[in-house]
N, C-alpha and C. Protein backbone atom coordinates (compact mmCIF):
# COMPACT_ATOMS: atom_id res chain seq x y z
N UNK A 1 -19.98 17.31 -32.06
CA UNK A 1 -19.35 16.61 -31.77
C UNK A 1 -17.70 16.11 -31.64
N UNK A 2 -17.49 16.76 -32.66
CA UNK A 2 -15.59 17.18 -32.31
C UNK A 2 -15.47 18.00 -31.12
N UNK A 3 -16.31 18.82 -30.88
CA UNK A 3 -15.42 19.35 -29.65
C UNK A 3 -15.86 18.83 -28.11
N UNK A 4 -16.87 17.94 -28.23
CA UNK A 4 -16.42 17.33 -27.46
C UNK A 4 -15.48 15.99 -26.99
N UNK A 5 -15.15 15.75 -28.38
CA UNK A 5 -14.30 14.64 -28.04
C UNK A 5 -13.17 15.26 -27.68
N UNK A 6 -12.41 16.26 -28.14
CA UNK A 6 -11.21 17.11 -28.15
C UNK A 6 -11.57 17.47 -26.39
N UNK A 7 -12.49 18.05 -25.95
CA UNK A 7 -12.54 18.34 -24.62
C UNK A 7 -12.26 16.97 -23.69
N UNK A 8 -13.04 16.13 -23.91
CA UNK A 8 -12.69 14.52 -23.29
C UNK A 8 -11.25 14.22 -23.25
N UNK A 9 -10.63 14.61 -24.56
CA UNK A 9 -9.11 14.07 -25.02
C UNK A 9 -8.20 15.41 -24.49
N UNK A 10 -8.64 16.37 -23.74
CA UNK A 10 -8.30 17.20 -23.15
C UNK A 10 -7.90 16.94 -21.84
N UNK A 11 -9.05 16.89 -21.50
CA UNK A 11 -9.20 15.95 -19.35
C UNK A 11 -8.59 15.19 -19.47
N UNK A 12 -8.21 14.08 -20.61
CA UNK A 12 -7.75 13.03 -20.30
C UNK A 12 -6.39 13.43 -20.25
N UNK A 13 -6.00 13.81 -21.35
CA UNK A 13 -4.26 14.40 -21.27
C UNK A 13 -3.90 15.16 -20.62
N UNK A 14 -4.49 16.32 -19.66
CA UNK A 14 -4.19 16.84 -18.88
C UNK A 14 -3.83 15.62 -17.23
N UNK A 15 -5.23 14.70 -17.39
CA UNK A 15 -5.25 13.95 -16.10
C UNK A 15 -4.27 13.00 -16.59
N UNK A 16 -3.43 12.40 -17.40
CA UNK A 16 -2.63 11.49 -17.19
C UNK A 16 -0.94 12.05 -16.97
N UNK A 17 -1.02 13.70 -16.86
CA UNK A 17 0.29 14.02 -16.29
C UNK A 17 0.32 14.30 -14.65
N UNK A 18 -0.81 14.13 -14.06
CA UNK A 18 -0.81 14.03 -12.57
C UNK A 18 -0.13 12.76 -12.72
N UNK A 19 0.93 13.13 -11.45
CA UNK A 19 1.14 11.63 -10.85
C UNK A 19 1.13 11.57 -9.25
N UNK A 20 0.78 10.83 -8.99
CA UNK A 20 0.20 10.11 -7.44
C UNK A 20 1.35 9.51 -6.76
N UNK A 21 1.32 9.22 -5.49
CA UNK A 21 1.92 8.40 -4.19
C UNK A 21 1.00 8.09 -3.21
N UNK A 22 1.60 6.75 -3.50
CA UNK A 22 1.14 6.00 -2.15
C UNK A 22 2.49 5.52 -1.53
N UNK A 23 2.22 5.39 -0.03
CA UNK A 23 2.91 4.49 0.67
C UNK A 23 2.08 3.25 1.62
N UNK A 24 2.82 1.91 1.33
CA UNK A 24 2.48 0.82 1.31
C UNK A 24 3.73 0.00 2.59
N UNK A 25 3.38 -0.29 3.60
CA UNK A 25 4.16 -1.40 4.69
C UNK A 25 3.96 -2.62 4.84
N UNK A 26 4.84 -3.21 4.77
CA UNK A 26 5.09 -4.49 5.17
C UNK A 26 5.74 -4.83 6.75
N UNK A 27 4.63 -4.94 7.71
CA UNK A 27 4.54 -5.03 8.53
C UNK A 27 4.78 -6.33 8.97
N UNK A 28 6.09 -6.46 9.72
CA UNK A 28 6.24 -8.09 10.34
C UNK A 28 6.82 -8.27 11.86
N UNK A 29 6.29 -8.89 12.31
CA UNK A 29 6.44 -9.31 13.89
C UNK A 29 7.25 -9.90 14.65
N UNK A 30 7.58 -10.33 15.07
CA UNK A 30 8.88 -10.84 16.23
C UNK A 30 9.09 -12.50 14.90
N UNK A 31 8.12 -12.72 14.86
CA UNK A 31 7.66 -14.55 14.48
C UNK A 31 7.77 -14.27 12.87
N UNK A 32 8.14 -13.17 12.25
CA UNK A 32 8.05 -13.38 10.57
C UNK A 32 7.07 -13.06 9.93
N UNK A 33 6.06 -12.69 10.53
CA UNK A 33 4.08 -13.18 10.32
C UNK A 33 4.29 -11.58 9.69
N UNK A 34 3.52 -11.31 8.80
CA UNK A 34 3.32 -9.62 8.26
C UNK A 34 1.56 -9.52 8.00
N UNK A 35 1.56 -8.11 8.32
CA UNK A 35 0.27 -7.51 8.72
C UNK A 35 -0.39 -6.99 7.10
N UNK A 36 -1.93 -7.92 7.20
CA UNK A 36 -2.00 -7.30 5.72
C UNK A 36 -3.68 -7.06 6.78
N UNK A 37 -4.07 -6.36 5.25
CA UNK A 37 -5.62 -5.47 5.46
C UNK A 37 -6.72 -6.13 4.62
N UNK A 38 -7.94 -6.26 4.85
CA UNK A 38 -8.96 -6.09 3.86
C UNK A 38 -10.26 -5.11 3.56
N UNK A 39 -9.78 -4.40 2.52
CA UNK A 39 -10.61 -3.16 2.42
C UNK A 39 -11.90 -3.88 2.12
N UNK A 40 -13.04 -2.30 2.67
CA UNK A 40 -14.34 -2.77 2.04
C UNK A 40 -14.81 -2.56 0.59
N UNK A 41 -14.24 -1.77 0.49
CA UNK A 41 -14.18 -0.87 -1.00
C UNK A 41 -13.21 -1.71 -2.21
N UNK A 42 -12.34 -2.79 -1.85
CA UNK A 42 -11.99 -3.07 -3.06
C UNK A 42 -11.86 -5.32 -2.55
N UNK A 43 -11.34 -5.58 -2.97
CA UNK A 43 -11.35 -7.28 -3.04
C UNK A 43 -9.96 -6.96 -2.72
N UNK A 44 -10.02 -8.55 -1.94
CA UNK A 44 -8.76 -9.04 -1.69
C UNK A 44 -7.36 -8.46 -0.51
N UNK A 45 -6.80 -9.10 0.09
CA UNK A 45 -5.98 -8.59 1.09
C UNK A 45 -4.47 -8.19 0.44
N UNK A 46 -4.38 -7.05 1.48
CA UNK A 46 -3.49 -6.05 0.53
C UNK A 46 -2.27 -5.70 2.09
N UNK A 47 -1.33 -4.95 1.48
CA UNK A 47 -0.25 -4.43 2.69
C UNK A 47 -0.98 -2.77 3.17
N UNK A 48 -1.12 -2.60 4.19
CA UNK A 48 -1.79 -1.41 4.85
C UNK A 48 -1.08 -0.20 4.24
N UNK A 49 -1.65 1.01 4.07
CA UNK A 49 -1.38 2.00 3.63
C UNK A 49 -2.32 2.83 2.69
N UNK A 50 -1.64 4.13 2.30
CA UNK A 50 -2.65 5.21 1.59
C UNK A 50 -1.80 5.88 0.58
N UNK A 51 -3.01 6.78 0.32
CA UNK A 51 -1.89 7.88 -0.50
C UNK A 51 -1.09 9.08 0.51
N UNK A 52 -0.38 9.26 -0.30
CA UNK A 52 -0.19 10.67 0.22
C UNK A 52 -0.46 12.26 0.27
N UNK A 53 -0.73 13.12 1.33
CA UNK A 53 -1.46 14.23 1.02
C UNK A 53 -1.15 15.48 0.60
N UNK A 54 -1.59 16.39 0.34
CA UNK A 54 -1.00 17.70 -0.03
C UNK A 54 -0.40 18.24 0.92
N UNK A 55 1.19 18.36 0.95
CA UNK A 55 1.99 18.54 2.35
C UNK A 55 2.59 17.69 3.08
N UNK A 56 2.30 16.50 2.77
CA UNK A 56 2.47 15.37 3.71
C UNK A 56 4.16 15.04 3.01
N UNK A 57 5.13 14.54 3.81
CA UNK A 57 5.76 13.37 3.56
C UNK A 57 5.65 12.23 3.05
N UNK A 58 6.16 11.46 2.60
CA UNK A 58 5.70 9.67 2.13
C UNK A 58 6.05 8.94 3.55
N UNK A 59 6.92 9.45 4.50
CA UNK A 59 6.98 9.46 5.70
C UNK A 59 5.47 9.08 6.99
N UNK A 60 5.23 10.77 6.54
CA UNK A 60 3.75 11.04 7.40
C UNK A 60 2.94 9.86 7.01
N UNK A 61 2.43 9.60 5.74
CA UNK A 61 1.89 9.32 5.11
C UNK A 61 1.63 7.78 5.54
N UNK A 62 2.64 7.24 5.41
CA UNK A 62 2.57 5.84 6.05
C UNK A 62 2.14 5.88 7.44
N UNK A 63 3.24 6.47 8.04
CA UNK A 63 2.69 6.67 9.68
C UNK A 63 1.11 6.72 10.17
N UNK A 64 0.62 7.97 9.51
CA UNK A 64 -0.68 7.94 9.60
C UNK A 64 -1.72 7.19 8.76
N UNK A 65 -1.11 6.26 7.69
CA UNK A 65 -2.31 5.21 7.48
C UNK A 65 -1.98 3.89 8.46
N UNK A 66 -0.76 3.82 8.80
CA UNK A 66 -0.62 3.06 9.76
C UNK A 66 -1.61 2.51 10.95
N UNK A 67 -1.56 3.84 11.73
CA UNK A 67 -2.19 3.87 12.76
C UNK A 67 -3.46 4.22 12.67
N UNK A 68 -4.36 4.89 11.85
CA UNK A 68 -5.83 4.82 11.10
C UNK A 68 -6.37 3.66 10.70
N UNK A 69 -5.40 2.69 9.75
CA UNK A 69 -5.91 1.29 9.37
C UNK A 69 -5.92 0.21 10.73
N UNK A 70 -4.45 0.52 11.27
CA UNK A 70 -3.98 -1.56 12.24
C UNK A 70 -3.90 -0.85 13.41
N UNK A 71 -3.68 0.83 13.96
CA UNK A 71 -3.26 1.14 15.37
C UNK A 71 -1.36 0.86 15.42
N UNK A 72 -1.22 0.65 14.14
CA UNK A 72 0.56 0.26 14.54
C UNK A 72 1.33 1.67 14.29
N UNK A 73 2.15 1.70 15.36
CA UNK A 73 2.76 3.24 15.46
C UNK A 73 4.52 2.39 14.75
N UNK A 74 5.44 3.23 13.78
CA UNK A 74 6.43 2.98 13.67
C UNK A 74 7.48 3.43 14.80
N UNK A 75 8.45 2.51 15.03
CA UNK A 75 9.46 3.14 16.22
C UNK A 75 10.80 3.18 15.12
N UNK A 76 10.99 4.18 15.19
CA UNK A 76 12.62 3.81 14.53
C UNK A 76 11.92 4.56 12.96
N UNK A 77 13.73 4.20 11.91
CA UNK A 77 13.08 3.76 10.78
C UNK A 77 12.44 2.93 10.07
N UNK A 78 11.26 3.36 9.14
CA UNK A 78 11.34 2.38 8.54
C UNK A 78 12.26 2.25 7.15
N UNK A 79 12.21 0.84 6.63
CA UNK A 79 13.13 0.78 5.48
C UNK A 79 12.29 0.96 4.20
N UNK A 80 13.09 1.93 3.36
CA UNK A 80 12.45 1.88 1.98
C UNK A 80 13.09 0.58 1.59
N UNK A 81 12.12 0.10 0.88
CA UNK A 81 12.17 -1.26 -0.16
C UNK A 81 12.68 -1.20 -1.00
N UNK A 82 11.43 -0.49 -2.09
CA UNK A 82 11.32 -0.12 -3.44
C UNK A 82 10.34 1.05 -3.61
N UNK A 83 10.28 1.70 -4.94
CA UNK A 83 9.08 2.32 -5.57
C UNK A 83 8.91 1.36 -6.84
N UNK A 84 7.42 1.24 -6.87
CA UNK A 84 6.89 0.90 -8.05
C UNK A 84 5.91 1.96 -8.97
N UNK A 85 5.65 1.45 -10.02
CA UNK A 85 4.94 2.18 -11.04
C UNK A 85 3.49 1.26 -10.81
N UNK A 86 2.73 1.92 -11.01
CA UNK A 86 1.04 1.07 -10.81
C UNK A 86 0.07 1.59 -11.35
N UNK A 87 0.57 1.84 -12.42
CA UNK A 87 -0.16 2.26 -13.82
C UNK A 87 -1.43 1.61 -14.14
N UNK A 88 -1.49 -0.16 -13.94
CA UNK A 88 -2.92 -0.39 -14.02
C UNK A 88 -4.26 0.35 -13.65
N UNK A 89 -3.86 0.70 -12.45
CA UNK A 89 -5.18 1.44 -12.06
C UNK A 89 -4.89 3.05 -12.33
N UNK A 90 -4.00 3.77 -12.23
CA UNK A 90 -3.92 4.57 -12.87
C UNK A 90 -2.81 5.48 -13.52
N UNK A 91 -3.08 6.13 -14.80
CA UNK A 91 -1.61 6.06 -15.48
C UNK A 91 -0.37 6.75 -14.88
N UNK A 92 -0.11 7.86 -13.69
CA UNK A 92 0.79 8.05 -12.82
C UNK A 92 0.95 7.75 -11.95
N UNK A 93 0.59 6.41 -11.06
CA UNK A 93 0.19 6.44 -9.73
C UNK A 93 2.01 5.13 -9.47
N UNK A 94 2.23 6.00 -8.23
CA UNK A 94 3.42 4.90 -7.75
C UNK A 94 3.27 4.77 -6.62
N UNK A 95 4.04 3.55 -6.02
CA UNK A 95 4.03 2.89 -4.45
C UNK A 95 5.06 2.80 -4.13
N UNK A 96 5.31 3.19 -3.11
CA UNK A 96 6.52 3.06 -2.13
C UNK A 96 6.19 2.21 -0.91
N UNK A 97 7.00 1.32 -1.15
CA UNK A 97 6.76 -0.11 -0.11
C UNK A 97 8.07 -0.16 0.98
N UNK A 98 7.78 0.27 2.51
CA UNK A 98 8.91 0.37 3.19
C UNK A 98 8.51 -0.78 3.73
N UNK A 99 9.71 -1.65 4.51
CA UNK A 99 9.67 -2.67 5.81
C UNK A 99 9.55 -1.49 7.03
N UNK A 100 9.00 -2.26 8.12
CA UNK A 100 8.54 -2.06 9.02
C UNK A 100 8.39 -2.99 9.84
N UNK A 101 9.66 -3.32 10.91
CA UNK A 101 9.90 -4.61 11.79
C UNK A 101 9.96 -3.92 13.10
N UNK A 102 10.10 -2.74 13.71
CA UNK A 102 10.44 -2.04 14.82
C UNK A 102 8.61 -1.37 15.04
N UNK A 103 8.20 -1.69 15.85
CA UNK A 103 6.46 -1.15 16.04
C UNK A 103 5.92 -1.09 17.27
N UNK A 104 5.53 -0.60 17.55
CA UNK A 104 4.48 -0.85 18.69
C UNK A 104 2.65 -0.53 18.05
N UNK A 105 1.56 -1.46 19.28
CA UNK A 105 0.10 -0.94 19.18
C UNK A 105 -0.44 -0.80 20.33
N UNK A 106 -0.75 0.32 20.57
CA UNK A 106 -1.55 0.51 22.04
C UNK A 106 -2.98 0.20 21.68
N UNK A 107 -3.64 0.04 20.26
CA UNK A 107 -4.73 -0.24 20.75
C UNK A 107 -5.19 -0.85 18.71
N UNK A 108 -6.18 -1.77 18.68
CA UNK A 108 -6.36 -2.41 17.55
C UNK A 108 -7.50 -1.45 17.11
N UNK A 109 -7.58 -0.67 15.91
CA UNK A 109 -8.57 -0.18 15.44
C UNK A 109 -9.97 -1.66 15.29
N UNK A 110 -11.17 -1.17 15.52
CA UNK A 110 -12.37 -2.16 15.39
C UNK A 110 -12.65 -1.88 13.76
N UNK A 111 -13.16 -3.00 13.51
CA UNK A 111 -13.59 -2.90 11.84
C UNK A 111 -14.40 -1.77 11.46
N UNK A 112 -14.44 -1.31 10.00
CA UNK A 112 -15.18 -0.36 9.94
C UNK A 112 -15.32 -0.57 8.14
N UNK A 113 -15.83 0.51 7.87
CA UNK A 113 -16.16 0.29 5.99
C UNK A 113 -14.87 0.25 5.26
N UNK A 114 -13.99 1.06 5.62
CA UNK A 114 -12.76 1.48 5.23
C UNK A 114 -11.75 -0.34 5.23
N UNK A 115 -11.92 0.12 6.37
CA UNK A 115 -10.62 -1.58 6.94
C UNK A 115 -12.14 -2.66 7.28
N UNK A 116 -12.08 -3.58 7.12
CA UNK A 116 -12.88 -4.23 7.45
C UNK A 116 -12.21 -5.37 8.36
N UNK A 117 -11.39 -5.98 8.13
CA UNK A 117 -10.04 -6.50 8.55
C UNK A 117 -8.72 -6.62 8.84
N UNK A 118 -7.91 -6.65 9.92
CA UNK A 118 -6.42 -6.69 9.97
C UNK A 118 -5.78 -7.63 10.60
N UNK A 119 -4.81 -8.42 10.03
CA UNK A 119 -4.40 -9.75 10.51
C UNK A 119 -3.07 -9.95 10.40
N UNK A 120 -2.50 -10.57 11.26
CA UNK A 120 -0.80 -11.03 10.72
C UNK A 120 -1.01 -12.71 10.04
N UNK A 121 -0.01 -12.75 9.07
CA UNK A 121 -0.52 -13.77 9.03
C UNK A 121 1.09 -14.56 8.55
N UNK A 122 1.21 -16.37 8.23
CA UNK A 122 2.83 -16.74 8.24
C UNK A 122 2.91 -16.55 6.83
N UNK A 123 4.15 -16.25 6.22
CA UNK A 123 4.23 -16.27 4.89
C UNK A 123 3.70 -17.47 3.86
N UNK A 124 4.09 -18.81 4.24
CA UNK A 124 3.09 -19.71 4.24
C UNK A 124 1.79 -20.44 4.23
N UNK A 125 1.07 -19.47 4.81
CA UNK A 125 -0.08 -19.52 5.35
C UNK A 125 -0.97 -18.48 4.40
N UNK A 126 -0.58 -17.37 3.65
CA UNK A 126 -1.25 -16.28 3.67
C UNK A 126 -3.32 -16.48 2.91
N UNK A 127 -3.86 -15.56 3.37
CA UNK A 127 -5.28 -15.92 3.21
C UNK A 127 -5.46 -16.00 1.82
N UNK A 128 -6.69 -16.39 1.60
CA UNK A 128 -7.10 -16.74 -0.32
C UNK A 128 -7.39 -15.36 -0.51
N UNK A 129 -6.95 -14.75 -1.31
CA UNK A 129 -7.61 -13.57 -2.20
C UNK A 129 -6.05 -12.53 -1.92
N UNK A 130 -5.42 -12.87 -1.33
CA UNK A 130 -4.31 -12.55 -1.36
C UNK A 130 -4.03 -11.88 -2.38
N UNK A 131 -3.51 -10.60 -3.19
CA UNK A 131 -3.74 -9.97 -4.38
C UNK A 131 -2.04 -10.32 -4.70
N UNK A 132 -2.28 -10.69 -6.22
CA UNK A 132 -1.24 -10.69 -6.67
C UNK A 132 0.08 -9.98 -6.73
N UNK A 133 0.03 -8.49 -6.30
CA UNK A 133 0.98 -7.86 -6.12
C UNK A 133 1.48 -7.83 -4.50
N UNK A 134 0.81 -8.19 -3.63
CA UNK A 134 0.98 -8.00 -2.63
C UNK A 134 1.75 -9.44 -2.41
N UNK A 135 1.50 -10.47 -3.19
CA UNK A 135 2.46 -12.09 -3.11
C UNK A 135 3.76 -11.91 -3.96
N UNK A 136 3.88 -11.11 -4.78
CA UNK A 136 4.79 -10.89 -5.47
C UNK A 136 6.08 -9.92 -4.71
N UNK A 137 5.48 -9.09 -4.08
CA UNK A 137 6.02 -8.05 -2.98
C UNK A 137 7.02 -8.66 -1.99
N UNK A 138 5.86 -9.97 -1.24
CA UNK A 138 6.43 -10.77 -0.35
C UNK A 138 7.68 -11.71 -0.52
N UNK A 139 7.20 -11.80 -2.25
CA UNK A 139 8.28 -12.68 -2.60
C UNK A 139 9.61 -12.20 -2.76
N UNK A 140 9.48 -11.08 -3.58
CA UNK A 140 10.95 -10.06 -3.56
C UNK A 140 11.56 -9.79 -2.18
N UNK A 141 10.82 -9.86 -1.29
CA UNK A 141 11.61 -9.10 0.21
C UNK A 141 11.82 -10.64 1.16
N UNK A 142 11.44 -11.64 1.30
CA UNK A 142 11.39 -12.71 1.67
C UNK A 142 12.50 -13.54 0.74
N UNK A 143 12.32 -13.90 -0.13
CA UNK A 143 13.04 -14.45 -1.08
C UNK A 143 14.26 -14.10 -1.65
N UNK A 144 14.84 -12.35 -1.54
CA UNK A 144 15.41 -11.87 -1.65
C UNK A 144 16.00 -11.20 -3.01
N UNK A 145 14.71 -11.47 -3.46
CA UNK A 145 14.56 -11.32 -5.30
C UNK A 145 14.77 -9.82 -5.55
N UNK A 146 15.21 -9.48 -6.90
CA UNK A 146 15.11 -8.07 -7.21
C UNK A 146 13.88 -7.45 -7.23
N UNK A 147 13.60 -6.56 -6.92
CA UNK A 147 12.24 -5.64 -7.21
C UNK A 147 12.01 -5.35 -8.34
N UNK A 148 10.72 -6.02 -8.77
CA UNK A 148 10.19 -5.64 -10.65
C UNK A 148 9.97 -4.02 -10.26
N UNK A 149 9.58 -3.39 -11.68
CA UNK A 149 9.51 -1.86 -11.68
C UNK A 149 7.83 -1.36 -11.28
N UNK A 150 7.13 -2.60 -11.95
CA UNK A 150 5.48 -2.24 -11.41
C UNK A 150 4.98 -3.33 -10.60
N UNK A 151 4.03 -2.80 -10.20
CA UNK A 151 3.35 -3.07 -8.58
C UNK A 151 2.88 -4.78 -9.43
């Protein structure tokens, strides 16, 4: 029994040293509406984005995820808003949030297993189920609040 516990602890200890990084985008249109996505594998509305893959920069990950999930292509430099700890889902996870005001969209992806829906919303008319973290980030950006350290 002790060897099983020791082995499990060792795996957890090694896993807890792993650091992961995700890139998400607060994409705004000319009217100030924000682009949100609804996933097929987790509840709620979120910013589009995803994990940084090995050999990929944060910006490359951001651009890849935006095209894959929403068809949005970044024009110019996205603005890094803040870096957040996201330890509630994984002990070493971090999220880089970028603001994207300059973009194009030549085609809009159809709903699929990963992204069920993506739409622009007014800040005063966010959809039910918009996650608490997403709402907090919108308040930080739109309200000029200092970013929190945790997502």
